[in-house]
Each structure stands twice: as structure tokens, then as C-alpha cells.
Amino acid sequence: MPHLPHYPCTRRRVPIDADLLRIPVGPGSIHVERYGHGGAPIVLLHGFGTSSFVWRDIAPEIALANRTAFAIDLFGHGESDRPFDADFGIASQAELIDRALTALRLPKATVVGLDLGGAVALRLAASRPERVERLMLINPIALDEVPAGDVNSLQRNTARFALRSSRGILGAAPILGEVLRRSVAEEASMPDKLVARYLAPYVGAEGLNHLLLLARSIDDEDMEDIELGALPQPTLIVWGDKDPWVAEDFPQRLSDTIPGSRLVRLPSAGRLVPEEAPQELVNLLLEFIGAAQLQD
């Protein structure tokens, strides 16, 4: 697929560029952006409809704290490979992240997961607990919210969207654009230019069909054998309260299920906390990993 542009967000304060890596994981390669060198690793997993680009304001700050950030495009997402016969489900994604950690020579890492990435992080933490030192979940999907309302709607309407696409009537823009705009609390946090950046991997009928395939791949069966009540890792849940896609009581239920977890709610943010509250998120992360004192 074509290489996507890597332009900085206007909010970025930190002049740190990423090392762009291609990591073979078996059925293909995944795209990884590495910020910093030699520090304790922080793995960043994006959500549905976004990519490693969502971490552009977060990852450089991690590097400034003498840690190393690895912002990963999930398989089939962003600039990672998308073989036509591949499995893009949650369980498969967790297995591929495990392989990527091996290829990157990272025996253990703090894993940060947003939305779908949160489910992948939970699956990895449960199935490979030795891989995950700490777990930070940002508006994750779990429990009875797999998939959440946005993807559930796409799954129900896949046939209709695909038919209209085949007739040249509809592409991914209005579908994913609506998801992105409703995933922030303030309209200004998701301007047209930013929507276009996230839409870049899904141009044309082929792109729409792949987006719908990714949506169909999110299945609650991949989480049924996960014992959230037995997770051994320290866990921080950060929740943007303006998330329209899940039940209002979900974050507290999830926190009550994961032993010893801490829940921090952000009343003025939606699901895409990295877009709306990047500095708050950085502060919470650095405090969580014990690196806050290293910041200016």
C-alpha cells in the first residue's frame, strides 16, 4: 500500500522524529514508529479507525522521559500489511504483537491500549502475562462492549455499505468520518484535515471493503476466555466520559472487574483522549510508570 505522509500535528512541542520500522510477524509485516533509544519500553496500540499517528503528541514526550515509545500499527491497519486472507481479530492481533516484541528484542513492556488496542492489550496481558509489566487502558472495549456501538453498527450494515460502494455511491469517508467526529467531545478536535489523514488507508472501494473487513473481525469470542479478574499487572484505566459508543456504567464495571485497577475519568474528553487531552494523558502515563519526575 502507498506510504502515508508523516506530518506533525500543530500541537507538537517536541522536536523528536520517529524511527520507522518494518517488523515481520509471520503473515506479513507491521509498521512501528520508535521514539527514543535504550529506555524502558512503552508499547502504544491504537483503536479502530485510527493508527499509530494518534500517538504523535504522546510518544515524543515518552522519549523525553528517558523511555522508549513504540507506536504500532495493528496488523491490517495504517501502514501495516493487509493480506487478503489474514486474521485481523483481537486474539490474532495479540499474538502478532507478542511476535513483534520478540523481533524488537523486548522481553517485557508497559502496554498502552486505546479502544480496540485496549482489547488487544488485555488479551496480551492475560495470555502472555510475562510480556506486560504494566497496563494502561484508554477507553478500551471489553466485557459486554465487544464490539462497541460504532463497530457494531458497521457490522450490521456491512452488506448495505459494500453494495453501495460497488455501485460507486459511497466510500469510507462518510462512514469513518462520522465515527471519528463522534469519538471526540469537541468538533474542533477532529477537523477535516485530521479526518482525511485517518482516512488515507481506506481510499476507494477497496479501502472501504477493507475497513468493513476490519470491523467484522472484532468478535467478542476472542475475549471470552480472558479472566480479567486474574490479571496480575498494575492497571490504569483512563476514561474520556464523552464516549458515545459504550454504556455509561462500563468504565466503573471494568475497573471493578480488574483487581487493584485505578480509574481516572476525564469529563471533557471523548474516546480519542490522545487527540483531546494529550498533555493530561502524558502526565498520567508518566506518573503511572514512575517517570513524571524526569519531566521539565
Protein backbone atom coordinates (compact mmCIF):
# COMPACT_ATOMS: atom_id res chain seq x y z
CA MET A 1 0.00 0.00 0.00
CA PRO A 2 1.17 3.61 -0.52
CA HIS A 3 3.29 5.23 2.16
CA LEU A 4 1.24 7.66 4.24
CA PRO A 5 2.53 11.16 4.98
CA HIS A 6 4.03 11.77 8.43
CA TYR A 7 3.39 15.43 9.06
CA PRO A 8 3.49 16.78 12.63
CA CYS A 9 0.38 17.87 14.49
CA THR A 10 0.30 21.62 15.11
CA ARG A 11 0.20 20.92 18.86
CA ARG A 12 3.53 19.10 18.89
CA ARG A 13 6.07 20.83 21.12
CA VAL A 14 8.79 18.21 20.98
CA PRO A 15 11.28 18.10 18.07
CA ILE A 16 11.76 14.33 18.18
CA ASP A 17 11.38 12.30 15.00
CA ALA A 18 10.42 8.66 14.88
CA ASP A 19 12.50 5.79 13.53
CA LEU A 20 10.21 3.98 11.06
CA LEU A 21 10.49 0.19 11.29
CA ARG A 22 9.02 -2.78 9.39
CA ILE A 23 8.72 -5.79 11.67
CA PRO A 24 7.98 -9.24 10.17
CA VAL A 25 5.43 -11.13 12.25
CA GLY A 26 4.67 -14.21 10.11
CA PRO A 27 1.72 -13.46 7.81
CA GLY A 28 3.23 -10.08 6.94
CA SER A 29 4.95 -7.07 8.46
CA ILE A 30 3.72 -4.40 10.81
CA HIS A 31 4.66 -0.73 10.87
CA VAL A 32 6.31 0.56 14.06
CA GLU A 33 7.37 4.08 14.95
CA ARG A 34 10.08 4.16 17.61
CA TYR A 35 10.74 7.28 19.67
CA GLY A 36 13.85 7.28 21.83
CA HIS A 37 16.51 4.62 22.42
CA GLY A 38 17.57 2.46 25.32
CA GLY A 39 14.90 3.37 27.86
CA ALA A 40 12.27 1.08 29.34
CA PRO A 41 9.81 0.26 26.51
CA ILE A 42 6.28 1.63 26.27
CA VAL A 43 4.15 -0.03 23.56
CA LEU A 44 1.29 2.08 22.18
CA LEU A 45 -1.70 0.38 20.49
CA HIS A 46 -4.29 2.48 18.65
CA GLY A 47 -8.01 1.86 18.19
CA PHE A 48 -10.44 1.18 15.37
CA GLY A 49 -10.28 3.69 12.54
CA THR A 50 -7.02 5.25 13.69
CA SER A 51 -3.36 4.27 13.54
CA SER A 52 -0.01 4.91 15.21
CA PHE A 53 -0.49 8.54 14.10
CA VAL A 54 -2.84 9.02 17.07
CA TRP A 55 0.21 8.90 19.39
CA ARG A 56 2.15 11.72 17.69
CA ASP A 57 1.77 14.03 20.71
CA ILE A 58 2.33 11.29 23.27
CA ALA A 59 5.29 9.25 22.03
CA PRO A 60 7.85 12.11 21.84
CA GLU A 61 7.09 13.04 25.45
CA ILE A 62 7.76 9.45 26.49
CA ALA A 63 11.17 9.69 24.82
CA LEU A 64 11.90 12.90 26.71
CA ALA A 65 11.26 10.98 29.93
CA ASN A 66 14.14 8.62 29.04
CA ARG A 67 11.80 5.83 27.98
CA THR A 68 11.38 4.34 24.51
CA ALA A 69 7.97 4.51 22.84
CA PHE A 70 6.90 2.00 20.19
CA ALA A 71 3.76 3.20 18.39
CA ILE A 72 2.46 0.21 16.43
CA ASP A 73 0.00 -0.04 13.54
CA LEU A 74 -2.11 -3.10 14.27
CA PHE A 75 -1.99 -5.70 11.52
CA GLY A 76 -4.20 -4.61 8.62
CA HIS A 77 -4.34 -1.03 9.92
CA GLY A 78 -2.40 2.09 8.97
CA GLU A 79 0.78 1.17 7.10
CA SER A 80 0.95 -2.42 8.29
CA ASP A 81 0.40 -5.20 5.76
CA ARG A 82 -3.11 -6.36 4.94
CA PRO A 83 -3.02 -9.82 3.30
CA PHE A 84 -6.42 -10.67 1.86
CA ASP A 85 -6.68 -13.96 3.77
CA ALA A 86 -5.29 -12.80 7.13
CA ASP A 87 -6.95 -12.90 10.53
CA PHE A 88 -7.36 -9.38 11.92
CA GLY A 89 -9.23 -10.35 15.08
CA ILE A 90 -8.31 -9.43 18.64
CA ALA A 91 -6.69 -12.76 19.52
CA SER A 92 -4.62 -12.75 16.35
CA GLN A 93 -3.56 -9.14 16.91
CA ALA A 94 -2.36 -10.01 20.43
CA GLU A 95 -0.34 -12.93 19.07
CA LEU A 96 1.24 -10.73 16.41
CA ILE A 97 2.13 -8.06 18.97
CA ASP A 98 3.82 -10.80 21.00
CA ARG A 99 5.85 -11.77 17.93
CA ALA A 100 6.71 -8.12 17.29
CA LEU A 101 8.02 -7.75 20.84
CA THR A 102 10.25 -10.75 20.21
CA ALA A 103 11.52 -9.27 16.94
CA LEU A 104 12.15 -5.95 18.69
CA ARG A 105 14.01 -7.80 21.47
CA LEU A 106 11.63 -6.56 24.13
CA PRO A 107 11.06 -9.28 26.74
CA LYS A 108 8.63 -7.07 28.69
CA ALA A 109 6.96 -3.69 28.21
CA THR A 110 4.35 -1.34 29.58
CA VAL A 111 1.45 -1.64 27.13
CA VAL A 112 -0.94 1.24 26.45
CA GLY A 113 -4.11 0.40 24.53
CA LEU A 114 -6.77 2.74 23.12
CA ASP A 115 -10.26 1.42 22.22
CA LEU A 116 -9.65 -1.74 20.15
CA GLY A 117 -5.98 -1.54 21.16
CA GLY A 118 -7.17 -1.81 24.75
CA ALA A 119 -8.81 -5.15 24.00
CA VAL A 120 -5.63 -6.35 22.29
CA ALA A 121 -3.61 -5.19 25.30
CA LEU A 122 -5.94 -7.05 27.67
CA ARG A 123 -5.69 -10.20 25.58
CA LEU A 124 -1.88 -9.96 25.54
CA ALA A 125 -1.72 -9.28 29.28
CA ALA A 126 -3.86 -12.33 30.02
CA SER A 127 -2.34 -14.76 27.52
CA ARG A 128 1.30 -13.60 27.86
CA PRO A 129 1.45 -12.05 31.35
CA GLU A 130 5.23 -12.22 31.37
CA ARG A 131 5.25 -9.77 28.44
CA VAL A 132 3.28 -7.00 30.11
CA GLU A 133 4.81 -5.09 33.01
CA ARG A 134 2.02 -2.53 33.37
CA LEU A 135 -1.26 -1.99 31.57
CA MET A 136 -2.78 1.38 30.68
CA LEU A 137 -6.20 1.25 29.05
CA ILE A 138 -7.76 4.29 27.37
CA ASN A 139 -11.48 3.90 26.64
CA PRO A 140 -10.96 0.19 25.94
CA ILE A 141 -13.56 -2.28 24.74
CA ALA A 142 -14.08 -5.31 26.99
CA LEU A 143 -16.74 -7.26 28.90
CA ASP A 144 -20.07 -6.91 27.04
CA GLU A 145 -18.84 -3.97 24.94
CA VAL A 146 -17.00 -6.04 22.31
CA PRO A 147 -17.60 -4.67 19.78
CA ALA A 148 -18.69 -1.20 20.88
CA GLY A 149 -21.53 0.70 19.23
CA ASP A 150 -19.52 2.16 16.35
CA VAL A 151 -18.20 -1.15 15.06
CA ASN A 152 -21.44 -2.94 15.89
CA SER A 153 -23.24 -0.55 13.56
CA LEU A 154 -20.73 -1.19 10.79
CA GLN A 155 -21.11 -4.94 11.23
CA ARG A 156 -24.90 -4.73 10.96
CA ASN A 157 -24.70 -2.62 7.80
CA THR A 158 -21.73 -4.23 6.06
CA ALA A 159 -23.76 -5.66 3.18
CA ARG A 160 -25.53 -2.35 2.51
CA PHE A 161 -22.29 -0.35 2.61
CA ALA A 162 -20.50 -2.84 0.36
CA LEU A 163 -23.35 -2.82 -2.18
CA ARG A 164 -23.43 0.95 -2.36
CA SER A 165 -19.64 1.02 -2.71
CA SER A 166 -19.80 -1.43 -5.63
CA ARG A 167 -22.14 0.99 -7.35
CA GLY A 168 -19.77 3.87 -6.77
CA ILE A 169 -22.19 5.61 -4.42
CA LEU A 170 -20.39 5.54 -1.10
CA GLY A 171 -16.80 5.31 0.09
CA ALA A 172 -15.25 5.11 3.54
CA ALA A 173 -15.21 8.88 4.13
CA PRO A 174 -18.77 9.40 5.43
CA ILE A 175 -18.69 6.17 7.45
CA LEU A 176 -15.35 6.50 9.20
CA GLY A 177 -15.63 10.28 9.27
CA GLU A 178 -18.77 10.03 11.38
CA VAL A 179 -17.10 7.55 13.75
CA LEU A 180 -14.10 9.84 14.19
CA ARG A 181 -16.13 13.01 14.72
CA ARG A 182 -18.38 11.35 17.28
CA SER A 183 -15.31 9.98 19.09
CA VAL A 184 -14.30 13.46 20.29
CA ALA A 185 -16.20 15.77 22.61
CA GLU A 186 -15.37 18.97 20.71
CA GLU A 187 -15.78 19.33 16.95
CA ALA A 188 -12.56 21.35 16.76
CA SER A 189 -10.60 18.29 17.94
CA MET A 190 -11.38 16.46 14.71
CA PRO A 191 -11.06 18.95 11.80
CA ASP A 192 -11.47 17.84 8.21
CA LYS A 193 -7.71 17.72 7.64
CA LEU A 194 -7.28 15.28 10.51
CA VAL A 195 -10.19 13.14 9.33
CA ALA A 196 -8.54 12.99 5.91
CA ARG A 197 -5.29 11.79 7.48
CA TYR A 198 -7.04 8.92 9.23
CA LEU A 199 -8.98 8.09 6.05
CA ALA A 200 -5.82 7.75 3.96
CA PRO A 201 -5.55 3.92 4.28
CA TYR A 202 -9.16 3.45 3.18
CA VAL A 203 -9.48 5.22 -0.16
CA GLY A 204 -11.73 3.84 -2.89
CA ALA A 205 -13.95 0.77 -2.89
CA GLU A 206 -11.06 -1.49 -1.90
CA GLY A 207 -10.31 0.70 1.11
CA LEU A 208 -13.93 0.69 2.23
CA ASN A 209 -14.16 -3.07 1.87
CA HIS A 210 -11.03 -3.47 3.98
CA LEU A 211 -12.42 -1.15 6.66
CA LEU A 212 -15.58 -3.26 6.78
CA LEU A 213 -13.46 -6.41 6.98
CA LEU A 214 -11.58 -4.96 9.96
CA ALA A 215 -14.91 -4.18 11.61
CA ARG A 216 -16.21 -7.72 11.03
CA SER A 217 -13.02 -9.12 12.57
CA ILE A 218 -13.84 -7.68 16.02
CA ASP A 219 -15.58 -10.54 17.81
CA ASP A 220 -16.42 -11.00 21.47
CA GLU A 221 -15.41 -14.68 21.22
CA ASP A 222 -11.77 -13.53 21.24
CA MET A 223 -12.30 -12.21 24.77
CA GLU A 224 -14.48 -14.95 26.25
CA ASP A 225 -11.60 -16.95 27.73
CA ILE A 226 -9.88 -13.91 29.27
CA GLU A 227 -10.05 -13.82 33.07
CA LEU A 228 -9.94 -10.10 33.73
CA GLY A 229 -10.26 -10.76 37.44
CA ALA A 230 -6.95 -12.63 37.40
CA LEU A 231 -4.78 -10.03 35.65
CA PRO A 232 -1.56 -9.63 37.66
CA GLN A 233 -0.36 -6.35 36.14
CA PRO A 234 -0.82 -2.92 37.71
CA THR A 235 -3.59 -1.39 35.61
CA LEU A 236 -4.64 2.21 34.99
CA ILE A 237 -7.90 2.91 33.16
CA VAL A 238 -8.25 6.39 31.65
CA TRP A 239 -11.76 7.18 30.51
CA GLY A 240 -12.98 10.06 28.35
CA ASP A 241 -16.53 10.45 29.64
CA LYS A 242 -17.94 11.77 26.36
CA ASP A 243 -17.53 8.39 24.64
CA PRO A 244 -20.91 7.77 22.94
CA TRP A 245 -20.23 4.19 21.94
CA VAL A 246 -20.48 2.29 25.26
CA ALA A 247 -22.76 2.17 28.28
CA GLU A 248 -22.25 4.86 30.91
CA ASP A 249 -21.56 2.35 33.68
CA PHE A 250 -18.96 0.42 31.68
CA PRO A 251 -15.74 2.09 32.92
CA GLN A 252 -16.66 1.51 36.56
CA ARG A 253 -17.69 -2.09 35.86
CA LEU A 254 -14.38 -2.71 34.12
CA SER A 255 -12.44 -1.15 36.98
CA ASP A 256 -14.36 -3.27 39.49
CA THR A 257 -13.52 -6.39 37.46
CA ILE A 258 -9.75 -5.84 37.16
CA PRO A 259 -8.22 -6.28 40.62
CA GLY A 260 -6.40 -3.27 42.02
CA SER A 261 -7.01 -1.15 38.93
CA ARG A 262 -7.28 2.62 39.13
CA LEU A 263 -9.89 4.55 37.14
CA VAL A 264 -9.29 8.16 36.10
CA ARG A 265 -12.15 9.91 34.33
CA LEU A 266 -11.73 12.89 32.02
CA PRO A 267 -15.11 14.68 31.91
CA SER A 268 -14.34 16.87 28.90
CA ALA A 269 -12.89 14.25 26.54
CA GLY A 270 -14.41 11.64 24.25
CA ARG A 271 -12.95 8.31 23.23
CA LEU A 272 -9.95 9.76 21.41
CA VAL A 273 -8.24 11.07 24.52
CA PRO A 274 -4.85 11.40 22.74
CA GLU A 275 -6.46 13.93 20.38
CA GLU A 276 -8.30 15.96 23.03
CA ALA A 277 -6.20 15.74 26.17
CA PRO A 278 -2.66 14.76 25.14
CA GLN A 279 -0.87 16.53 28.00
CA GLU A 280 -3.20 15.12 30.64
CA LEU A 281 -2.65 11.69 29.17
CA VAL A 282 1.13 12.12 29.13
CA ASN A 283 1.09 13.23 32.76
CA LEU A 284 -0.99 10.24 33.81
CA LEU A 285 1.22 7.82 31.88
CA LEU A 286 4.49 9.19 33.23
CA GLU A 287 3.14 9.14 36.77
CA PHE A 288 1.96 5.56 36.24
CA ILE A 289 5.39 4.36 35.09
CA GLY A 290 7.28 6.40 37.68
CA ALA A 291 8.84 8.82 35.20
CA ALA A 292 6.96 12.04 36.00
CA GLN A 293 9.86 13.48 37.97
CA LEU A 294 12.02 13.44 34.84
CA GLN A 295 9.84 15.99 33.05
CA ASP A 296 10.68 19.70 32.94
